[in-house]
């Protein structure tokens, strides 16, 4: 067999394997949604304990679903069916809320649409329950259920919560989020409360000063006692950063008092070490974003916001850039979406006034841009991010200063960066992409 035939056979075999993998993935998706639907349909015929077991199994299935699968089960028909079971006393409200809290969690984490629930009969029932129960000042033993109701309602509806119900939810959520017990059940409840607060904290109608103080205390306490889950800690930071978007006076607190960069480094490095980045073996789930991947993705988005919004200079940003580089290299062969976000975050860092060229050089960002440009399956968006960053760095090297010591430092940095770019084939790389620049600038609305 000649060499061409061998190459063709290999290509055909790889194509066949990809088709088989896609078919297996679709079959797996079908199995998940069918099993979820079967358990859901059985709920009205179960007694209380069996019903709870079914819901816990359904919650486990949701943890394995992707966005498409979750959308297929988060429908107005299913929400109305839950309402009907509660109305006919075929489901206890506690069981309905157990299911709705997990649904709310994934709607918040995946950024799924909210309108099926907003327009459902179940939404109206929950709203009425919240108003009536708080007006009647229910006993303390019922406070747990009302807190659960506020959590799922806030996560699912996000910014669509009416102002009168937001006022009801906030005290319950803040109290739950401030719980310092360290047993697993308490930690899970704190996680849910922080997710719920994060979902509603992005909007102008939440402006109480106590809100900010609560989250400063939650973050400080965790830094000393490590009482939060990874997702809860991330959500606490998001809540504080949501307020920072409206109140820039928080910058000193975030950067230098609470040490955002140091904490983000710790979280990113821990997640990078703990995730199995190896490609899935035959028979395992393919193409799934795990909870850890979701947390990583959200951390990168938070870091992008910090790089773009903060103006304070902090030496800890070098370590943060290095952690992003480490994450990029760990995920490079198996999770391209995370790699894309890493590259974009480094581009934003290079465009930020408070991040210096030596931060990018020392943190390994320049090496990473060339690693990405040499990828065999390079995406246009990443080409744009990498080239834009290289041009930004070059532009910053051209400036001059009247201060002799600063000018000497600038020249030394010029030398180091140009040596790195020459070493990595800077001129050849830029030349090879030169014909694409106009296309990239138009497609991605950037100026390279």
Protein backbone atom coordinates (compact mmCIF):
# COMPACT_ATOMS: atom_id res chain seq x y z
CA UNK A 1 0.00 0.00 0.00
CA UNK A 2 1.47 3.36 -1.01
CA UNK A 3 1.93 6.31 1.36
CA UNK A 4 -1.03 8.28 -0.06
CA UNK A 5 -3.39 5.35 0.50
CA UNK A 6 -2.19 4.98 4.08
CA UNK A 7 -2.82 8.68 4.75
CA UNK A 8 -6.28 8.47 3.15
CA UNK A 9 -7.17 5.40 5.19
CA UNK A 10 -6.05 7.08 8.40
CA UNK A 11 -8.12 10.17 7.55
CA UNK A 12 -11.19 8.06 6.77
CA UNK A 13 -10.76 6.10 10.02
CA UNK A 14 -10.51 9.33 12.07
CA UNK A 15 -13.62 10.69 10.34
CA UNK A 16 -15.53 7.46 11.09
CA UNK A 17 -14.44 7.63 14.75
CA UNK A 18 -15.66 11.23 15.01
CA UNK A 19 -19.05 10.24 13.55
CA UNK A 20 -19.32 7.34 16.02
CA UNK A 21 -18.41 9.64 18.92
CA UNK A 22 -21.09 12.15 17.84
CA UNK A 23 -23.68 9.39 17.56
CA UNK A 24 -22.74 8.03 20.99
CA UNK A 25 -22.98 11.51 22.50
CA UNK A 26 -26.44 12.08 20.98
CA UNK A 27 -27.54 8.67 22.26
CA UNK A 28 -26.24 9.53 25.73
CA UNK A 29 -28.11 12.86 25.68
CA UNK A 30 -31.30 11.06 24.69
CA UNK A 31 -30.86 8.58 27.55
CA UNK A 32 -30.45 11.42 30.08
CA UNK A 33 -33.52 13.37 28.98
CA UNK A 34 -35.64 10.23 28.64
CA UNK A 35 -34.68 9.06 32.12
CA UNK A 36 -35.37 12.51 33.57
CA UNK A 37 -38.77 12.63 31.83
CA UNK A 38 -39.66 9.14 33.06
CA UNK A 39 -38.83 10.04 36.67
CA UNK A 40 -40.72 13.33 36.33
CA UNK A 41 -43.84 11.58 35.00
CA UNK A 42 -43.74 9.13 37.92
CA UNK A 43 -43.70 11.85 40.60
CA UNK A 44 -47.48 12.19 40.96
CA UNK A 45 -47.84 8.47 41.66
CA UNK A 46 -45.13 8.33 44.36
CA UNK A 47 -45.54 8.71 48.11
CA UNK A 48 -43.53 11.44 49.90
CA UNK A 49 -40.31 9.49 50.53
CA UNK A 50 -40.25 7.78 47.13
CA UNK A 51 -41.00 11.11 45.48
CA UNK A 52 -38.05 12.70 47.27
CA UNK A 53 -35.77 9.87 46.09
CA UNK A 54 -36.94 10.43 42.50
CA UNK A 55 -36.25 14.16 42.78
CA UNK A 56 -32.77 13.55 44.17
CA UNK A 57 -32.09 11.23 41.21
CA UNK A 58 -33.43 13.89 38.83
CA UNK A 59 -31.15 16.45 40.46
CA UNK A 60 -28.21 14.11 39.82
CA UNK A 61 -29.20 13.80 36.16
CA UNK A 62 -29.30 17.60 35.80
CA UNK A 63 -25.69 17.74 36.99
CA UNK A 64 -24.73 15.72 33.90
CA UNK A 65 -26.80 17.64 31.35
CA UNK A 66 -25.55 20.25 28.92
CA UNK A 67 -27.42 23.46 28.08
CA UNK A 68 -29.47 21.90 25.29
CA UNK A 69 -30.64 19.06 27.53
CA UNK A 70 -31.45 21.41 30.41
CA UNK A 71 -33.54 23.60 28.12
CA UNK A 72 -35.50 20.55 27.00
CA UNK A 73 -36.69 19.86 30.56
CA UNK A 74 -36.98 23.44 31.89
CA UNK A 75 -40.29 24.07 30.10
CA UNK A 76 -43.44 25.94 31.05
CA UNK A 77 -45.35 22.65 30.68
CA UNK A 78 -43.19 20.98 33.32
CA UNK A 79 -43.41 23.96 35.67
CA UNK A 80 -47.20 23.96 35.30
CA UNK A 81 -47.26 20.23 35.95
CA UNK A 82 -45.38 20.74 39.22
CA UNK A 83 -47.94 23.41 40.18
CA UNK A 84 -50.81 21.04 39.41
CA UNK A 85 -49.28 18.28 41.57
CA UNK A 86 -48.92 20.73 44.46
CA UNK A 87 -52.49 21.98 43.94
CA UNK A 88 -53.87 18.42 43.95
CA UNK A 89 -51.73 17.53 46.99
CA UNK A 90 -49.81 14.93 44.99
CA UNK A 91 -46.55 16.72 45.83
CA UNK A 92 -45.50 18.50 49.00
CA UNK A 93 -44.22 22.02 48.52
CA UNK A 94 -40.95 21.00 50.20
CA UNK A 95 -40.34 18.42 47.46
CA UNK A 96 -41.26 20.89 44.72
CA UNK A 97 -38.75 23.38 46.13
CA UNK A 98 -36.04 20.69 46.39
CA UNK A 99 -36.35 20.21 42.63
CA UNK A 100 -36.70 23.91 41.86
CA UNK A 101 -33.55 24.86 43.79
CA UNK A 102 -31.41 22.61 41.59
CA UNK A 103 -33.15 23.93 38.49
CA UNK A 104 -32.47 27.48 39.69
CA UNK A 105 -28.82 26.63 40.32
CA UNK A 106 -28.26 25.47 36.73
CA UNK A 107 -30.28 28.33 35.23
CA UNK A 108 -27.96 30.72 37.07
CA UNK A 109 -24.70 28.89 36.29
CA UNK A 110 -25.49 28.26 32.62
CA UNK A 111 -27.23 31.60 32.03
CA UNK A 112 -30.34 29.87 30.63
CA UNK A 113 -33.52 31.75 29.73
CA UNK A 114 -36.01 32.57 32.47
CA UNK A 115 -39.30 33.18 30.69
CA UNK A 116 -40.75 29.62 30.87
CA UNK A 117 -40.82 29.88 34.67
CA UNK A 118 -41.82 33.55 34.72
CA UNK A 119 -44.99 32.73 32.76
CA UNK A 120 -45.83 29.54 34.64
CA UNK A 121 -48.56 28.89 37.19
CA UNK A 122 -45.87 27.70 39.62
CA UNK A 123 -44.27 31.16 39.55
CA UNK A 124 -47.58 32.76 40.56
CA UNK A 125 -48.05 30.21 43.37
CA UNK A 126 -44.58 30.90 44.78
CA UNK A 127 -45.09 34.68 44.61
CA UNK A 128 -48.38 34.39 46.51
CA UNK A 129 -46.79 32.08 49.06
CA UNK A 130 -43.93 34.53 49.71
CA UNK A 131 -46.27 37.49 50.25
CA UNK A 132 -48.85 35.67 52.39
CA UNK A 133 -46.31 33.84 54.55
CA UNK A 134 -44.23 36.93 55.35
CA UNK A 135 -47.34 39.00 56.10
CA UNK A 136 -48.55 36.31 58.50
CA UNK A 137 -45.09 36.12 60.11
CA UNK A 138 -44.82 32.37 60.08
CA UNK A 139 -43.14 30.51 62.93
CA UNK A 140 -39.37 29.99 62.95
CA UNK A 141 -39.75 26.32 61.99
CA UNK A 142 -41.20 27.46 58.65
CA UNK A 143 -38.38 29.92 57.97
CA UNK A 144 -36.27 27.23 56.27
CA UNK A 145 -38.95 26.58 53.65
CA UNK A 146 -39.41 30.30 52.98
CA UNK A 147 -35.63 30.70 52.62
CA UNK A 148 -35.61 27.84 50.11
CA UNK A 149 -38.47 29.48 48.23
CA UNK A 150 -36.58 32.80 48.07
CA UNK A 151 -33.44 31.01 46.82
CA UNK A 152 -35.03 29.14 43.94
CA UNK A 153 -37.23 32.11 42.98
CA UNK A 154 -34.26 34.52 42.92
CA UNK A 155 -31.98 32.20 40.93
CA UNK A 156 -34.62 31.39 38.34
CA UNK A 157 -36.00 34.90 37.80
CA UNK A 158 -32.77 36.91 38.17
CA UNK A 159 -33.44 40.57 37.24
CA UNK A 160 -37.13 39.95 36.54
CA UNK A 161 -38.01 39.80 40.25
CA UNK A 162 -40.60 42.47 41.15
CA UNK A 163 -39.31 45.05 43.64
CA UNK A 164 -41.82 44.11 46.35
CA UNK A 165 -40.63 40.47 46.28
CA UNK A 166 -36.96 41.46 46.16
CA UNK A 167 -37.45 43.26 49.48
CA UNK A 168 -38.88 40.03 50.90
CA UNK A 169 -36.06 37.82 49.56
CA UNK A 170 -32.99 39.84 50.59
CA UNK A 171 -33.20 39.42 54.40
CA UNK A 172 -33.74 35.65 54.12
CA UNK A 173 -30.88 35.24 51.64
CA UNK A 174 -28.42 37.40 53.61
CA UNK A 175 -29.19 35.49 56.81
CA UNK A 176 -28.67 32.13 55.08
CA UNK A 177 -25.45 33.32 53.39
CA UNK A 178 -24.00 34.46 56.73
CA UNK A 179 -24.38 31.04 58.38
CA UNK A 180 -20.96 30.00 59.72
CA UNK A 181 -21.75 26.36 60.52
CA UNK A 182 -19.33 23.95 58.84
CA UNK A 183 -21.41 20.79 58.32
CA UNK A 184 -22.08 19.75 54.72
CA UNK A 185 -25.79 20.60 54.78
CA UNK A 186 -25.08 24.13 56.06
CA UNK A 187 -22.35 24.63 53.44
CA UNK A 188 -24.74 23.62 50.67
CA UNK A 189 -27.37 26.05 51.96
CA UNK A 190 -24.83 28.89 52.10
CA UNK A 191 -23.79 28.05 48.54
CA UNK A 192 -27.40 28.29 47.32
CA UNK A 193 -28.00 31.56 49.19
CA UNK A 194 -24.87 33.15 47.69
CA UNK A 195 -25.81 31.99 44.19
CA UNK A 196 -29.24 33.53 44.66
CA UNK A 197 -27.79 36.81 45.94
CA UNK A 198 -25.36 36.88 43.05
CA UNK A 199 -28.20 36.45 40.56
CA UNK A 200 -30.08 39.50 41.87
CA UNK A 201 -27.09 41.63 42.93
CA UNK A 202 -26.23 42.86 39.44
CA UNK A 203 -29.08 45.32 39.32
CA UNK A 204 -29.64 48.87 40.47
CA UNK A 205 -32.62 48.03 42.67
CA UNK A 206 -30.22 46.33 45.13
CA UNK A 207 -28.31 49.24 46.66
CA UNK A 208 -28.26 48.80 50.45
CA UNK A 209 -24.88 49.54 52.07
CA UNK A 210 -25.38 46.56 54.41
CA UNK A 211 -25.23 44.35 51.31
CA UNK A 212 -21.59 45.33 50.68
CA UNK A 213 -20.58 45.04 54.34
CA UNK A 214 -22.10 41.55 54.57
CA UNK A 215 -20.02 40.31 51.66
CA UNK A 216 -16.82 41.84 52.92
CA UNK A 217 -17.36 39.94 56.16
CA UNK A 218 -18.24 36.67 54.38
CA UNK A 219 -15.04 36.87 52.29
CA UNK A 220 -12.84 37.83 55.26
CA UNK A 221 -14.26 35.04 57.40
CA UNK A 222 -13.61 32.47 54.68
CA UNK A 223 -10.03 33.68 54.26
CA UNK A 224 -9.47 32.92 57.93
CA UNK A 225 -11.61 29.79 58.41
CA UNK A 226 -12.13 28.26 54.91
CA UNK A 227 -15.81 27.56 55.61
CA UNK A 228 -17.20 28.01 52.09
CA UNK A 229 -17.37 25.70 49.08
CA UNK A 230 -15.52 26.79 45.93
CA UNK A 231 -18.78 27.82 44.26
CA UNK A 232 -19.96 29.72 47.35
CA UNK A 233 -16.68 31.63 47.65
CA UNK A 234 -16.75 32.52 43.98
CA UNK A 235 -20.35 33.74 44.32
CA UNK A 236 -19.42 35.90 47.32
CA UNK A 237 -16.75 37.60 45.22
CA UNK A 238 -19.18 38.05 42.34
CA UNK A 239 -21.68 39.69 44.69
CA UNK A 240 -19.06 42.20 45.83
CA UNK A 241 -17.84 42.84 42.29
CA UNK A 242 -21.42 43.46 41.16
CA UNK A 243 -21.48 46.37 43.57
CA UNK A 244 -18.04 47.53 42.37
CA UNK A 245 -19.50 48.08 38.89
CA UNK A 246 -21.76 50.71 40.45
CA UNK A 247 -19.42 51.99 43.18
CA UNK A 248 -15.76 52.44 42.14
CA UNK A 249 -14.80 53.42 45.71
CA UNK A 250 -14.72 49.67 46.45
CA UNK A 251 -11.56 49.27 44.34
CA UNK A 252 -9.17 49.72 47.27
CA UNK A 253 -11.11 47.15 49.31
CA UNK A 254 -11.16 44.60 46.48
CA UNK A 255 -7.57 44.95 45.30
CA UNK A 256 -5.56 45.73 48.44
CA UNK A 257 -7.71 44.89 51.48
CA UNK A 258 -9.31 41.62 50.35
CA UNK A 259 -6.50 40.83 47.86
CA UNK A 260 -8.61 39.69 44.92
CA UNK A 261 -5.63 38.62 42.79
CA UNK A 262 -4.13 36.49 45.57
CA UNK A 263 -7.46 34.75 46.18
CA UNK A 264 -8.14 34.22 42.47
CA UNK A 265 -4.66 32.67 42.09
CA UNK A 266 -5.38 30.26 44.93
CA UNK A 267 -8.74 29.24 43.45
CA UNK A 268 -7.52 28.93 39.83
CA UNK A 269 -4.43 26.94 40.79
CA UNK A 270 -6.49 24.59 42.96
CA UNK A 271 -9.05 24.00 40.23
CA UNK A 272 -6.36 23.54 37.58
CA UNK A 273 -4.69 20.85 39.71
CA UNK A 274 -7.89 19.05 40.63
CA UNK A 275 -9.56 18.82 37.22
CA UNK A 276 -8.73 15.79 35.09
CA UNK A 277 -7.75 17.47 31.83
CA UNK A 278 -6.94 14.24 30.00
CA UNK A 279 -9.15 13.36 27.07
CA UNK A 280 -12.06 11.10 27.90
CA UNK A 281 -11.51 7.40 27.45
CA UNK A 282 -13.81 5.30 25.34
CA UNK A 283 -17.19 4.84 26.99
CA UNK A 284 -16.96 7.94 29.21
CA UNK A 285 -19.03 11.09 28.77
CA UNK A 286 -17.87 13.32 25.94
CA UNK A 287 -18.21 17.05 25.50
CA UNK A 288 -19.58 17.73 28.97
CA UNK A 289 -18.84 20.81 31.04
CA UNK A 290 -18.51 19.67 34.62
CA UNK A 291 -19.29 21.83 37.64
CA UNK A 292 -15.54 22.45 38.04
CA UNK A 293 -15.30 23.64 34.41
CA UNK A 294 -18.24 25.97 35.02
CA UNK A 295 -16.58 27.46 38.11
CA UNK A 296 -13.32 27.96 36.17
CA UNK A 297 -15.19 29.65 33.32
CA UNK A 298 -16.90 32.04 35.74
CA UNK A 299 -13.60 32.84 37.52
CA UNK A 300 -12.04 33.82 34.18
CA UNK A 301 -15.01 36.07 33.45
CA UNK A 302 -14.57 37.73 36.87
CA UNK A 303 -10.85 38.24 36.19
CA UNK A 304 -11.65 39.82 32.81
CA UNK A 305 -13.92 42.27 34.63
CA UNK A 306 -11.14 43.13 37.11
CA UNK A 307 -8.56 43.65 34.37
CA UNK A 308 -10.93 45.93 32.46
CA UNK A 309 -12.35 47.91 35.42
CA UNK A 310 -9.61 48.23 38.06
CA UNK A 311 -7.07 51.05 37.87
CA UNK A 312 -4.94 50.24 40.91
CA UNK A 313 -1.48 48.75 40.41
CA UNK A 314 -0.84 45.58 42.40
CA UNK A 315 2.19 43.28 42.18
CA UNK A 316 -0.09 40.25 42.73
CA UNK A 317 -1.35 40.63 39.14
CA UNK A 318 1.88 39.00 37.87
CA UNK A 319 0.97 35.82 39.74
CA UNK A 320 -2.59 36.02 38.42
CA UNK A 321 -1.34 36.20 34.83
CA UNK A 322 0.90 33.20 35.56
CA UNK A 323 -2.09 31.24 36.90
CA UNK A 324 -4.09 31.99 33.74
CA UNK A 325 -1.15 30.79 31.67
CA UNK A 326 -0.98 27.58 33.74
CA UNK A 327 -4.71 27.00 33.25
CA UNK A 328 -4.39 27.61 29.50
CA UNK A 329 -1.63 25.01 29.18
CA UNK A 330 -3.50 22.45 31.27
CA UNK A 331 -6.69 22.83 29.20
CA UNK A 332 -5.04 23.32 25.79
CA UNK A 333 -5.64 19.83 24.43
CA UNK A 334 -9.06 19.13 25.90
CA UNK A 335 -11.12 22.24 26.61
CA UNK A 336 -10.79 24.90 23.92
CA UNK A 337 -13.55 27.12 25.31
CA UNK A 338 -11.60 27.65 28.52
CA UNK A 339 -8.44 28.28 26.46
CA UNK A 340 -10.29 30.89 24.43
CA UNK A 341 -11.36 32.68 27.61
CA UNK A 342 -7.80 32.54 28.97
CA UNK A 343 -6.41 34.14 25.82
CA UNK A 344 -9.10 36.82 25.89
CA UNK A 345 -8.41 37.61 29.55
CA UNK A 346 -4.71 38.04 28.76
CA UNK A 347 -5.63 40.34 25.88
CA UNK A 348 -7.68 42.50 28.26
CA UNK A 349 -4.74 42.53 30.70
CA UNK A 350 -2.40 43.72 27.94
CA UNK A 351 -4.84 46.52 27.12
CA UNK A 352 -5.10 47.63 30.77
CA UNK A 353 -3.06 50.59 31.99
CA UNK A 354 -2.40 49.03 35.42
CA UNK A 355 -0.80 45.89 33.90
CA UNK A 356 2.75 46.50 32.70
CA UNK A 357 4.71 44.80 29.92
CA UNK A 358 7.05 43.22 32.45
CA UNK A 359 3.99 41.68 34.19
CA UNK A 360 3.03 40.04 30.90
CA UNK A 361 6.58 38.90 30.22
CA UNK A 362 7.23 37.58 33.72
CA UNK A 363 3.79 35.97 33.92
CA UNK A 364 4.36 34.03 30.70
CA UNK A 365 1.63 35.75 28.67
CA UNK A 366 3.81 36.51 25.64
CA UNK A 367 4.89 32.85 25.39
CA UNK A 368 1.23 31.84 25.59
CA UNK A 369 0.16 34.08 22.71
CA UNK A 370 2.72 32.43 20.42
CA UNK A 371 1.80 28.95 21.67
CA UNK A 372 -1.78 29.70 20.65
CA UNK A 373 -0.80 31.11 17.24
CA UNK A 374 1.02 27.85 16.53
CA UNK A 375 -2.04 25.70 17.31
CA UNK A 376 -2.97 23.46 14.33
CA UNK A 377 -6.70 24.18 14.81
CA UNK A 378 -6.50 27.92 15.33
CA UNK A 379 -9.75 29.91 15.55
CA UNK A 380 -10.13 33.37 14.00
CA UNK A 381 -11.17 34.88 17.35
CA UNK A 382 -7.99 33.71 19.02
CA UNK A 383 -5.86 34.97 16.14
CA UNK A 384 -7.46 38.37 16.67
CA UNK A 385 -6.86 38.24 20.44
CA UNK A 386 -3.22 37.22 20.07
CA UNK A 387 -2.30 39.67 17.33
CA UNK A 388 -4.12 42.54 19.01
CA UNK A 389 -2.17 41.85 22.19
CA UNK A 390 1.20 41.67 20.45
CA UNK A 391 0.51 44.99 18.71
CA UNK A 392 -0.62 46.53 22.02
CA UNK A 393 2.61 45.46 23.71
CA UNK A 394 4.67 46.81 20.81
CA UNK A 395 2.83 50.13 20.95
CA UNK A 396 3.48 50.52 24.66
CA UNK A 397 7.17 49.91 24.12
CA UNK A 398 7.42 52.94 21.83
CA UNK A 399 6.56 55.54 24.51
CA UNK A 400 9.27 57.61 26.18
CA UNK A 401 9.64 59.32 29.56
CA UNK A 402 11.72 62.27 30.80
CA UNK A 403 12.69 60.41 33.99
CA UNK A 404 16.15 58.92 33.31
CA UNK A 405 15.69 55.93 35.64
CA UNK A 406 12.26 55.13 34.19
CA UNK A 407 13.60 55.54 30.66
CA UNK A 408 16.42 53.09 31.44
CA UNK A 409 13.85 50.60 32.74
CA UNK A 410 11.75 51.08 29.61
CA UNK A 411 14.71 50.41 27.33
CA UNK A 412 15.65 47.29 29.27
CA UNK A 413 12.08 46.05 28.99
CA UNK A 414 12.13 46.81 25.26
CA UNK A 415 15.22 44.65 24.91
CA UNK A 416 13.69 41.73 26.84
CA UNK A 417 10.38 41.81 24.98
CA UNK A 418 11.96 42.16 21.54
CA UNK A 419 14.34 39.30 22.33
CA UNK A 420 11.37 37.15 23.34
CA UNK A 421 9.45 38.08 20.20
CA UNK A 422 12.45 37.41 17.99
CA UNK A 423 13.11 34.12 19.77
CA UNK A 424 9.50 33.02 19.19
CA UNK A 425 9.48 34.05 15.54
CA UNK A 426 7.55 37.30 16.04
CA UNK A 427 8.22 38.80 12.60
CA UNK A 428 7.47 35.59 10.72
CA UNK A 429 4.31 34.97 12.70
CA UNK A 430 2.92 38.47 12.17
CA UNK A 431 3.79 38.36 8.47
CA UNK A 432 2.01 35.02 8.04
CA UNK A 433 -1.23 36.52 9.40
CA UNK A 434 -0.88 39.94 7.75
CA UNK A 435 -3.33 39.24 4.91
CA UNK A 436 -6.01 38.32 7.47
CA UNK A 437 -5.83 41.54 9.50
CA UNK A 438 -8.56 43.46 7.64
CA UNK A 439 -10.88 40.46 7.83
CA UNK A 440 -10.25 40.00 11.56
CA UNK A 441 -10.72 43.69 12.35
CA UNK A 442 -14.10 43.75 10.59
CA UNK A 443 -15.33 40.42 11.97
CA UNK A 444 -14.37 41.05 15.60
CA UNK A 445 -14.76 44.85 15.63
CA UNK A 446 -11.25 45.43 16.88
CA UNK A 447 -8.32 47.57 15.78
CA UNK A 448 -5.15 45.55 15.25
